[in-house]
Amino acid sequence: MSEQITRSGGSLAELREMVNAAGGPAAAPDAAPVREPKRDQFGRSYATGRRKNAVARVWVKPGKGNIEINGKPLGKYFARPVLRMLLTQPFLVADRYQQFDVVATVVGGGLSGQAGAVRHGISRALTYYEPGLRPVLKTAGFLTRDSRVVERKKYGRMKARRSFQFSKR
């Protein structure tokens, strides 16, 4: 077949016909890949979420909507309603509210960064459990890792960019 391709010097359409005739894949080039669910032996999907300096390991499985973070319930770990709202956003957008149980462990960063990391992890784990949810979560922006981190302090300065007060005399 490779001899035919090099000798023909034909167009891309002719090349496709030859590949299809040879029993190759007849998929359209712009078709999205078919994703398989990724689940462990317990029926859970695992994903890692990151935000600022926080890293969250998240397991998602079908359940009643219980969310447990570092061994504590959601309301106890994240006392602020805004942070609790962040974690429920992926379920609300995907129309799966209170259908999944979440177990997460988070390390590093502050509470805001940890909430963002858990949200990122929940979104990724949902797409692994149910690949059909990927377009909905992607358009909502939940699968994108927010790459903004704190800038390091430089020598000769008070903070990352703030320098000492200039004295003329």
N, C-alpha and C. Protein backbone atom coordinates (compact mmCIF):
# COMPACT_ATOMS: atom_id res chain seq x y z
N MET A 1 0.82 -1.19 0.00
CA MET A 1 0.00 0.00 0.00
C MET A 1 0.87 1.25 0.00
N SER A 2 2.01 1.23 0.73
CA SER A 2 2.87 2.40 0.77
C SER A 2 3.44 2.72 -0.61
N GLU A 3 3.64 1.68 -1.44
CA GLU A 3 4.11 1.92 -2.80
C GLU A 3 3.05 2.66 -3.60
N GLN A 4 1.77 2.29 -3.39
CA GLN A 4 0.69 2.96 -4.10
C GLN A 4 0.62 4.43 -3.71
N ILE A 5 0.81 4.72 -2.43
CA ILE A 5 0.71 6.10 -1.97
C ILE A 5 1.82 6.94 -2.58
N THR A 6 3.04 6.42 -2.57
CA THR A 6 4.16 7.21 -3.09
C THR A 6 4.07 7.36 -4.60
N ARG A 7 3.59 6.32 -5.30
CA ARG A 7 3.51 6.41 -6.76
C ARG A 7 2.36 7.27 -7.22
N SER A 8 1.25 7.23 -6.48
CA SER A 8 0.05 7.90 -6.98
C SER A 8 0.23 9.41 -6.98
N GLY A 9 0.82 9.94 -5.90
CA GLY A 9 0.99 11.38 -5.81
C GLY A 9 -0.34 12.10 -5.90
N GLY A 10 -1.42 11.43 -5.53
CA GLY A 10 -2.76 11.97 -5.68
C GLY A 10 -3.16 12.87 -4.54
N SER A 11 -4.43 13.17 -4.53
CA SER A 11 -4.96 14.09 -3.53
C SER A 11 -5.26 13.37 -2.22
N LEU A 12 -5.66 14.14 -1.25
CA LEU A 12 -5.99 13.60 0.07
C LEU A 12 -7.23 12.72 -0.01
N ALA A 13 -8.17 13.06 -0.87
CA ALA A 13 -9.38 12.25 -1.02
C ALA A 13 -9.03 10.86 -1.54
N GLU A 14 -8.11 10.79 -2.50
CA GLU A 14 -7.69 9.48 -3.01
C GLU A 14 -6.99 8.67 -1.92
N LEU A 15 -6.22 9.34 -1.10
CA LEU A 15 -5.53 8.66 -0.01
C LEU A 15 -6.53 8.09 0.99
N ARG A 16 -7.57 8.85 1.30
CA ARG A 16 -8.61 8.36 2.21
C ARG A 16 -9.31 7.13 1.63
N GLU A 17 -9.61 7.17 0.33
CA GLU A 17 -10.26 6.03 -0.31
C GLU A 17 -9.40 4.79 -0.21
N MET A 18 -8.09 4.95 -0.40
CA MET A 18 -7.19 3.80 -0.33
C MET A 18 -7.13 3.25 1.09
N VAL A 19 -7.11 4.13 2.08
CA VAL A 19 -7.05 3.67 3.47
C VAL A 19 -8.34 2.96 3.84
N ASN A 20 -9.48 3.51 3.42
CA ASN A 20 -10.77 2.88 3.71
C ASN A 20 -10.89 1.54 3.01
N ALA A 21 -10.40 1.45 1.78
CA ALA A 21 -10.44 0.19 1.04
C ALA A 21 -9.55 -0.85 1.70
N ALA A 22 -8.47 -0.41 2.34
CA ALA A 22 -7.55 -1.34 3.01
C ALA A 22 -8.06 -1.75 4.38
N GLY A 23 -9.21 -1.25 4.79
CA GLY A 23 -9.78 -1.64 6.09
C GLY A 23 -9.35 -0.73 7.22
N GLY A 24 -8.87 0.44 6.93
CA GLY A 24 -8.44 1.38 7.97
C GLY A 24 -9.61 2.10 8.57
N PRO A 25 -9.35 2.97 9.52
CA PRO A 25 -10.44 3.70 10.17
C PRO A 25 -11.09 4.68 9.21
N ALA A 26 -12.41 4.69 9.21
CA ALA A 26 -13.15 5.57 8.31
C ALA A 26 -13.72 6.76 9.06
N ALA A 27 -13.14 7.08 10.22
CA ALA A 27 -13.66 8.19 11.03
C ALA A 27 -13.33 9.52 10.39
N ALA A 28 -14.22 10.46 10.56
CA ALA A 28 -13.98 11.81 10.03
C ALA A 28 -12.85 12.45 10.84
N PRO A 29 -12.00 13.28 10.21
CA PRO A 29 -10.88 13.86 10.93
C PRO A 29 -11.29 14.85 12.01
N ASP A 30 -12.49 15.44 11.91
CA ASP A 30 -12.90 16.43 12.89
C ASP A 30 -13.77 15.83 13.99
N ALA A 31 -13.99 14.50 13.97
CA ALA A 31 -14.83 13.87 14.99
C ALA A 31 -14.07 13.82 16.32
N ALA A 32 -14.79 14.09 17.41
CA ALA A 32 -14.18 14.06 18.74
C ALA A 32 -13.91 12.62 19.15
N PRO A 33 -12.83 12.39 19.90
CA PRO A 33 -12.55 11.02 20.33
C PRO A 33 -13.60 10.52 21.33
N VAL A 34 -13.93 9.26 21.22
CA VAL A 34 -14.89 8.66 22.14
C VAL A 34 -14.15 8.31 23.43
N ARG A 35 -14.61 8.88 24.55
CA ARG A 35 -13.94 8.66 25.82
C ARG A 35 -14.67 7.58 26.61
N GLU A 36 -13.88 6.74 27.26
CA GLU A 36 -14.42 5.68 28.11
C GLU A 36 -14.42 6.15 29.56
N PRO A 37 -15.42 5.74 30.35
CA PRO A 37 -15.41 6.08 31.78
C PRO A 37 -14.21 5.44 32.48
N LYS A 38 -13.62 6.17 33.43
CA LYS A 38 -12.50 5.66 34.22
C LYS A 38 -12.98 5.48 35.65
N ARG A 39 -13.16 4.21 36.05
CA ARG A 39 -13.64 3.91 37.39
C ARG A 39 -12.79 2.80 38.00
N ASP A 40 -12.62 2.85 39.34
CA ASP A 40 -11.86 1.80 40.01
C ASP A 40 -12.80 0.65 40.39
N GLN A 41 -12.27 -0.34 41.14
CA GLN A 41 -13.07 -1.52 41.48
C GLN A 41 -14.22 -1.21 42.43
N PHE A 42 -14.20 -0.03 43.08
CA PHE A 42 -15.28 0.37 43.98
C PHE A 42 -16.31 1.25 43.27
N GLY A 43 -16.17 1.47 41.98
CA GLY A 43 -17.11 2.30 41.22
C GLY A 43 -16.88 3.79 41.39
N ARG A 44 -15.66 4.17 41.81
CA ARG A 44 -15.34 5.58 42.01
C ARG A 44 -14.46 6.09 40.86
N SER A 45 -14.51 7.39 40.65
CA SER A 45 -13.59 8.04 39.72
C SER A 45 -12.69 8.97 40.52
N TYR A 46 -11.41 8.99 40.16
CA TYR A 46 -10.42 9.78 40.89
C TYR A 46 -9.87 10.88 39.99
N ALA A 47 -9.64 12.04 40.57
CA ALA A 47 -9.01 13.14 39.84
C ALA A 47 -8.26 14.03 40.81
N THR A 48 -7.29 14.74 40.28
CA THR A 48 -6.51 15.70 41.06
C THR A 48 -6.89 17.10 40.62
N GLY A 49 -7.14 17.99 41.58
CA GLY A 49 -7.44 19.38 41.28
C GLY A 49 -6.39 20.28 41.90
N ARG A 50 -6.07 21.37 41.20
CA ARG A 50 -5.05 22.29 41.71
C ARG A 50 -5.53 23.73 41.57
N ARG A 51 -5.12 24.55 42.55
CA ARG A 51 -5.42 25.99 42.52
C ARG A 51 -4.45 26.66 43.47
N LYS A 52 -3.76 27.71 43.01
CA LYS A 52 -2.72 28.38 43.78
C LYS A 52 -1.73 27.34 44.28
N ASN A 53 -1.54 27.22 45.60
CA ASN A 53 -0.61 26.21 46.11
C ASN A 53 -1.34 24.99 46.67
N ALA A 54 -2.64 24.91 46.48
CA ALA A 54 -3.43 23.81 47.03
C ALA A 54 -3.55 22.68 46.02
N VAL A 55 -3.48 21.45 46.52
CA VAL A 55 -3.66 20.26 45.70
C VAL A 55 -4.72 19.39 46.35
N ALA A 56 -5.73 19.01 45.58
CA ALA A 56 -6.83 18.20 46.10
C ALA A 56 -6.89 16.87 45.38
N ARG A 57 -7.02 15.80 46.15
CA ARG A 57 -7.27 14.47 45.60
C ARG A 57 -8.74 14.18 45.82
N VAL A 58 -9.49 13.90 44.75
CA VAL A 58 -10.94 13.82 44.84
C VAL A 58 -11.43 12.48 44.28
N TRP A 59 -12.31 11.82 45.05
CA TRP A 59 -12.99 10.61 44.60
C TRP A 59 -14.47 10.92 44.51
N VAL A 60 -15.10 10.51 43.40
CA VAL A 60 -16.52 10.75 43.17
C VAL A 60 -17.19 9.41 42.91
N LYS A 61 -18.33 9.17 43.59
CA LYS A 61 -19.10 7.95 43.34
C LYS A 61 -20.58 8.28 43.50
N PRO A 62 -21.46 7.49 42.91
CA PRO A 62 -22.90 7.76 43.05
C PRO A 62 -23.32 7.66 44.51
N GLY A 63 -24.20 8.57 44.91
CA GLY A 63 -24.63 8.58 46.31
C GLY A 63 -25.73 9.59 46.54
N LYS A 64 -25.77 10.12 47.78
CA LYS A 64 -26.83 11.03 48.20
C LYS A 64 -26.41 12.48 48.22
N GLY A 65 -25.19 12.79 47.81
CA GLY A 65 -24.73 14.17 47.79
C GLY A 65 -23.88 14.57 48.98
N ASN A 66 -23.33 13.59 49.71
CA ASN A 66 -22.45 13.90 50.84
C ASN A 66 -21.08 14.31 50.33
N ILE A 67 -20.56 15.41 50.86
CA ILE A 67 -19.23 15.88 50.50
C ILE A 67 -18.39 15.90 51.78
N GLU A 68 -17.28 15.18 51.75
CA GLU A 68 -16.40 15.06 52.91
C GLU A 68 -15.00 15.50 52.50
N ILE A 69 -14.44 16.46 53.24
CA ILE A 69 -13.12 16.99 52.93
C ILE A 69 -12.23 16.80 54.14
N ASN A 70 -11.13 16.12 53.95
CA ASN A 70 -10.17 15.82 55.02
C ASN A 70 -10.86 15.22 56.24
N GLY A 71 -11.84 14.34 56.00
CA GLY A 71 -12.54 13.67 57.08
C GLY A 71 -13.62 14.48 57.75
N LYS A 72 -13.88 15.69 57.29
CA LYS A 72 -14.92 16.54 57.89
C LYS A 72 -16.02 16.80 56.86
N PRO A 73 -17.25 17.02 57.30
CA PRO A 73 -18.32 17.38 56.35
C PRO A 73 -18.06 18.77 55.75
N LEU A 74 -18.69 19.00 54.62
CA LEU A 74 -18.47 20.24 53.86
C LEU A 74 -18.73 21.48 54.71
N GLY A 75 -19.83 21.52 55.44
CA GLY A 75 -20.19 22.71 56.22
C GLY A 75 -19.22 23.00 57.35
N LYS A 76 -18.54 21.98 57.84
CA LYS A 76 -17.60 22.18 58.93
C LYS A 76 -16.24 22.62 58.42
N TYR A 77 -15.81 22.06 57.26
CA TYR A 77 -14.48 22.41 56.74
C TYR A 77 -14.49 23.79 56.09
N PHE A 78 -15.47 24.04 55.23
CA PHE A 78 -15.61 25.35 54.59
C PHE A 78 -16.81 26.05 55.22
N ALA A 79 -16.53 26.93 56.18
CA ALA A 79 -17.61 27.60 56.92
C ALA A 79 -18.27 28.70 56.08
N ARG A 80 -17.49 29.33 55.19
CA ARG A 80 -18.06 30.42 54.39
C ARG A 80 -18.99 29.89 53.30
N PRO A 81 -20.17 30.48 53.14
CA PRO A 81 -21.11 30.00 52.12
C PRO A 81 -20.56 30.11 50.70
N VAL A 82 -19.71 31.10 50.45
CA VAL A 82 -19.16 31.28 49.11
C VAL A 82 -18.29 30.08 48.73
N LEU A 83 -17.51 29.59 49.67
CA LEU A 83 -16.65 28.44 49.38
C LEU A 83 -17.48 27.18 49.20
N ARG A 84 -18.55 27.03 49.96
CA ARG A 84 -19.43 25.87 49.78
C ARG A 84 -20.12 25.94 48.42
N MET A 85 -20.49 27.15 48.00
CA MET A 85 -21.14 27.32 46.71
C MET A 85 -20.19 26.92 45.57
N LEU A 86 -18.89 27.25 45.74
CA LEU A 86 -17.91 26.88 44.72
C LEU A 86 -17.91 25.38 44.46
N LEU A 87 -18.03 24.58 45.52
CA LEU A 87 -17.95 23.14 45.37
C LEU A 87 -19.19 22.53 44.73
N THR A 88 -20.33 23.18 44.88
CA THR A 88 -21.55 22.62 44.30
C THR A 88 -21.77 23.06 42.85
N GLN A 89 -21.01 24.04 42.38
CA GLN A 89 -21.19 24.54 41.02
C GLN A 89 -21.08 23.47 39.93
N PRO A 90 -20.06 22.60 39.96
CA PRO A 90 -19.99 21.59 38.88
C PRO A 90 -21.22 20.68 38.85
N PHE A 91 -21.78 20.34 40.00
CA PHE A 91 -22.96 19.49 40.03
C PHE A 91 -24.18 20.22 39.49
N LEU A 92 -24.31 21.50 39.82
CA LEU A 92 -25.46 22.28 39.35
C LEU A 92 -25.40 22.48 37.85
N VAL A 93 -24.23 22.78 37.32
CA VAL A 93 -24.08 23.00 35.87
C VAL A 93 -24.35 21.71 35.11
N ALA A 94 -23.87 20.58 35.66
CA ALA A 94 -24.05 19.28 34.99
C ALA A 94 -25.42 18.66 35.29
N ASP A 95 -26.24 19.33 36.10
CA ASP A 95 -27.56 18.84 36.49
C ASP A 95 -27.46 17.49 37.20
N ARG A 96 -26.49 17.38 38.11
CA ARG A 96 -26.27 16.15 38.88
C ARG A 96 -26.22 16.46 40.38
N TYR A 97 -26.96 17.47 40.81
CA TYR A 97 -26.90 17.89 42.21
C TYR A 97 -27.45 16.81 43.13
N GLN A 98 -26.72 16.48 44.18
CA GLN A 98 -27.04 15.47 45.18
C GLN A 98 -27.23 14.08 44.58
N GLN A 99 -26.44 13.78 43.54
CA GLN A 99 -26.44 12.44 42.95
C GLN A 99 -25.11 11.74 43.17
N PHE A 100 -24.09 12.48 43.64
CA PHE A 100 -22.76 11.92 43.83
C PHE A 100 -22.25 12.23 45.23
N ASP A 101 -21.53 11.26 45.81
CA ASP A 101 -20.80 11.49 47.05
C ASP A 101 -19.37 11.83 46.69
N VAL A 102 -18.78 12.76 47.45
CA VAL A 102 -17.42 13.21 47.19
C VAL A 102 -16.58 13.01 48.45
N VAL A 103 -15.42 12.42 48.27
CA VAL A 103 -14.43 12.31 49.34
C VAL A 103 -13.17 12.97 48.82
N ALA A 104 -12.65 13.97 49.55
CA ALA A 104 -11.49 14.71 49.07
C ALA A 104 -10.50 14.92 50.20
N THR A 105 -9.23 14.94 49.83
CA THR A 105 -8.17 15.34 50.75
C THR A 105 -7.44 16.51 50.11
N VAL A 106 -7.23 17.56 50.87
CA VAL A 106 -6.62 18.78 50.35
C VAL A 106 -5.43 19.15 51.21
N VAL A 107 -4.34 19.56 50.57
CA VAL A 107 -3.16 20.06 51.29
C VAL A 107 -2.68 21.33 50.61
N GLY A 108 -2.07 22.21 51.40
CA GLY A 108 -1.45 23.42 50.87
C GLY A 108 -2.41 24.56 50.66
N GLY A 109 -1.86 25.76 50.62
CA GLY A 109 -2.64 26.95 50.33
C GLY A 109 -3.59 27.33 51.45
N GLY A 110 -4.44 28.30 51.16
CA GLY A 110 -5.45 28.74 52.11
C GLY A 110 -6.80 28.15 51.76
N LEU A 111 -7.82 28.59 52.46
CA LEU A 111 -9.15 28.02 52.26
C LEU A 111 -9.70 28.31 50.86
N SER A 112 -9.46 29.51 50.35
CA SER A 112 -9.97 29.85 49.02
C SER A 112 -9.30 28.99 47.94
N GLY A 113 -7.99 28.84 48.04
CA GLY A 113 -7.28 28.00 47.08
C GLY A 113 -7.69 26.55 47.19
N GLN A 114 -7.94 26.09 48.42
CA GLN A 114 -8.35 24.70 48.61
C GLN A 114 -9.73 24.46 48.02
N ALA A 115 -10.64 25.42 48.18
CA ALA A 115 -11.97 25.27 47.60
C ALA A 115 -11.89 25.23 46.08
N GLY A 116 -11.05 26.07 45.50
CA GLY A 116 -10.87 26.04 44.05
C GLY A 116 -10.26 24.74 43.57
N ALA A 117 -9.33 24.19 44.35
CA ALA A 117 -8.70 22.92 43.99
C ALA A 117 -9.71 21.78 44.06
N VAL A 118 -10.56 21.77 45.07
CA VAL A 118 -11.57 20.71 45.17
C VAL A 118 -12.57 20.84 44.03
N ARG A 119 -12.96 22.06 43.68
CA ARG A 119 -13.89 22.24 42.56
C ARG A 119 -13.29 21.72 41.26
N HIS A 120 -12.01 22.02 41.04
CA HIS A 120 -11.32 21.54 39.84
C HIS A 120 -11.27 20.01 39.84
N GLY A 121 -10.98 19.43 41.01
CA GLY A 121 -10.93 17.98 41.11
C GLY A 121 -12.29 17.33 40.90
N ILE A 122 -13.34 17.93 41.46
CA ILE A 122 -14.69 17.39 41.27
C ILE A 122 -15.07 17.42 39.80
N SER A 123 -14.76 18.51 39.12
CA SER A 123 -15.10 18.63 37.70
C SER A 123 -14.39 17.57 36.88
N ARG A 124 -13.10 17.39 37.15
CA ARG A 124 -12.34 16.39 36.39
C ARG A 124 -12.83 14.98 36.70
N ALA A 125 -13.14 14.70 37.97
CA ALA A 125 -13.62 13.37 38.34
C ALA A 125 -14.99 13.08 37.72
N LEU A 126 -15.84 14.10 37.62
CA LEU A 126 -17.14 13.91 36.96
C LEU A 126 -16.97 13.55 35.49
N THR A 127 -16.01 14.19 34.83
CA THR A 127 -15.79 13.87 33.41
C THR A 127 -15.21 12.47 33.25
N TYR A 128 -14.44 12.01 34.23
CA TYR A 128 -13.93 10.63 34.17
C TYR A 128 -15.06 9.63 34.42
N TYR A 129 -15.97 9.97 35.34
CA TYR A 129 -17.07 9.06 35.64
C TYR A 129 -18.09 9.04 34.51
N GLU A 130 -18.40 10.22 33.99
CA GLU A 130 -19.42 10.36 32.95
C GLU A 130 -18.86 11.25 31.83
N PRO A 131 -18.18 10.68 30.84
CA PRO A 131 -17.51 11.49 29.81
C PRO A 131 -18.45 12.41 29.03
N GLY A 132 -19.74 12.15 29.03
CA GLY A 132 -20.69 13.00 28.32
C GLY A 132 -20.83 14.38 28.94
N LEU A 133 -20.39 14.54 30.19
CA LEU A 133 -20.49 15.84 30.86
C LEU A 133 -19.36 16.79 30.50
N ARG A 134 -18.35 16.29 29.80
CA ARG A 134 -17.16 17.10 29.51
C ARG A 134 -17.48 18.40 28.77
N PRO A 135 -18.28 18.40 27.70
CA PRO A 135 -18.55 19.68 27.00
C PRO A 135 -19.22 20.72 27.89
N VAL A 136 -20.15 20.28 28.75
CA VAL A 136 -20.87 21.21 29.62
C VAL A 136 -19.91 21.84 30.63
N LEU A 137 -19.09 21.00 31.27
CA LEU A 137 -18.15 21.52 32.27
C LEU A 137 -17.04 22.34 31.64
N LYS A 138 -16.66 22.00 30.42
CA LYS A 138 -15.58 22.73 29.76
C LYS A 138 -16.05 24.13 29.37
N THR A 139 -17.26 24.25 28.86
CA THR A 139 -17.76 25.58 28.49
C THR A 139 -17.97 26.45 29.72
N ALA A 140 -18.28 25.84 30.86
CA ALA A 140 -18.42 26.60 32.11
C ALA A 140 -17.07 27.01 32.68
N GLY A 141 -15.98 26.42 32.18
CA GLY A 141 -14.64 26.80 32.61
C GLY A 141 -14.15 26.07 33.84
N PHE A 142 -14.79 24.96 34.21
CA PHE A 142 -14.40 24.24 35.42
C PHE A 142 -13.25 23.28 35.21
N LEU A 143 -12.93 22.95 33.97
CA LEU A 143 -11.84 22.01 33.70
C LEU A 143 -10.51 22.70 33.50
N THR A 144 -10.52 24.02 33.42
CA THR A 144 -9.29 24.78 33.22
C THR A 144 -8.62 25.03 34.56
N ARG A 145 -7.34 24.70 34.63
CA ARG A 145 -6.58 24.92 35.85
C ARG A 145 -6.19 26.38 35.90
N ASP A 146 -6.59 27.07 36.96
CA ASP A 146 -6.24 28.49 37.12
C ASP A 146 -4.76 28.57 37.49
N SER A 147 -3.95 29.05 36.57
CA SER A 147 -2.49 28.98 36.74
C SER A 147 -1.93 30.14 37.54
N ARG A 148 -2.77 31.04 38.04
CA ARG A 148 -2.25 32.19 38.78
C ARG A 148 -1.77 31.75 40.16
N VAL A 149 -0.52 32.05 40.46
CA VAL A 149 0.05 31.76 41.77
C VAL A 149 0.72 33.02 42.30
N VAL A 150 1.06 33.02 43.58
CA VAL A 150 1.67 34.19 44.20
C VAL A 150 3.08 34.38 43.64
N GLU A 151 3.40 35.61 43.30
CA GLU A 151 4.73 35.93 42.79
C GLU A 151 5.73 35.93 43.93
N ARG A 152 6.92 35.42 43.68
CA ARG A 152 7.91 35.33 44.75
C ARG A 152 8.50 36.68 45.10
N LYS A 153 8.98 36.80 46.33
CA LYS A 153 9.61 38.03 46.79
C LYS A 153 11.02 38.10 46.22
N LYS A 154 11.39 39.31 45.75
CA LYS A 154 12.73 39.51 45.19
C LYS A 154 13.62 40.20 46.22
N TYR A 155 14.92 39.96 46.11
CA TYR A 155 15.86 40.60 47.02
C TYR A 155 15.94 42.09 46.71
N GLY A 156 16.21 42.89 47.72
CA GLY A 156 16.29 44.34 47.54
C GLY A 156 14.93 45.01 47.49
N ARG A 157 13.87 44.27 47.75
CA ARG A 157 12.52 44.81 47.72
C ARG A 157 11.78 44.38 48.98
N MET A 158 10.70 45.10 49.29
CA MET A 158 9.92 44.77 50.47
C MET A 158 9.04 43.55 50.22
N LYS A 159 8.41 43.51 49.05
CA LYS A 159 7.55 42.39 48.67
C LYS A 159 7.95 41.97 47.26
N ALA A 160 7.03 41.40 46.50
CA ALA A 160 7.38 40.93 45.16
C ALA A 160 7.76 42.10 44.25
N ARG A 161 7.01 43.20 44.34
CA ARG A 161 7.27 44.35 43.46
C ARG A 161 7.48 45.64 44.24
N ARG A 162 6.96 45.73 45.44
CA ARG A 162 7.06 46.95 46.25
C ARG A 162 8.49 47.13 46.70
N SER A 163 9.05 48.30 46.36
CA SER A 163 10.42 48.56 46.80
C SER A 163 10.39 49.48 48.02
N PHE A 164 11.54 49.69 48.63
CA PHE A 164 11.64 50.55 49.79
C PHE A 164 11.41 51.98 49.38
N GLN A 165 10.99 52.82 50.34
CA GLN A 165 10.70 54.22 50.03
C GLN A 165 12.00 54.95 49.67
N PHE A 166 11.92 55.68 48.57
CA PHE A 166 13.11 56.39 48.10
C PHE A 166 13.32 57.66 48.94
N SER A 167 14.55 57.87 49.37
CA SER A 167 14.85 59.05 50.15
C SER A 167 15.85 59.91 49.38
N LYS A 168 15.43 61.14 49.07
CA LYS A 168 16.30 62.02 48.27
C LYS A 168 17.44 62.56 49.13
N ARG A 169 17.18 62.90 50.39
CA ARG A 169 18.21 63.44 51.28
C ARG A 169 18.40 62.58 52.50
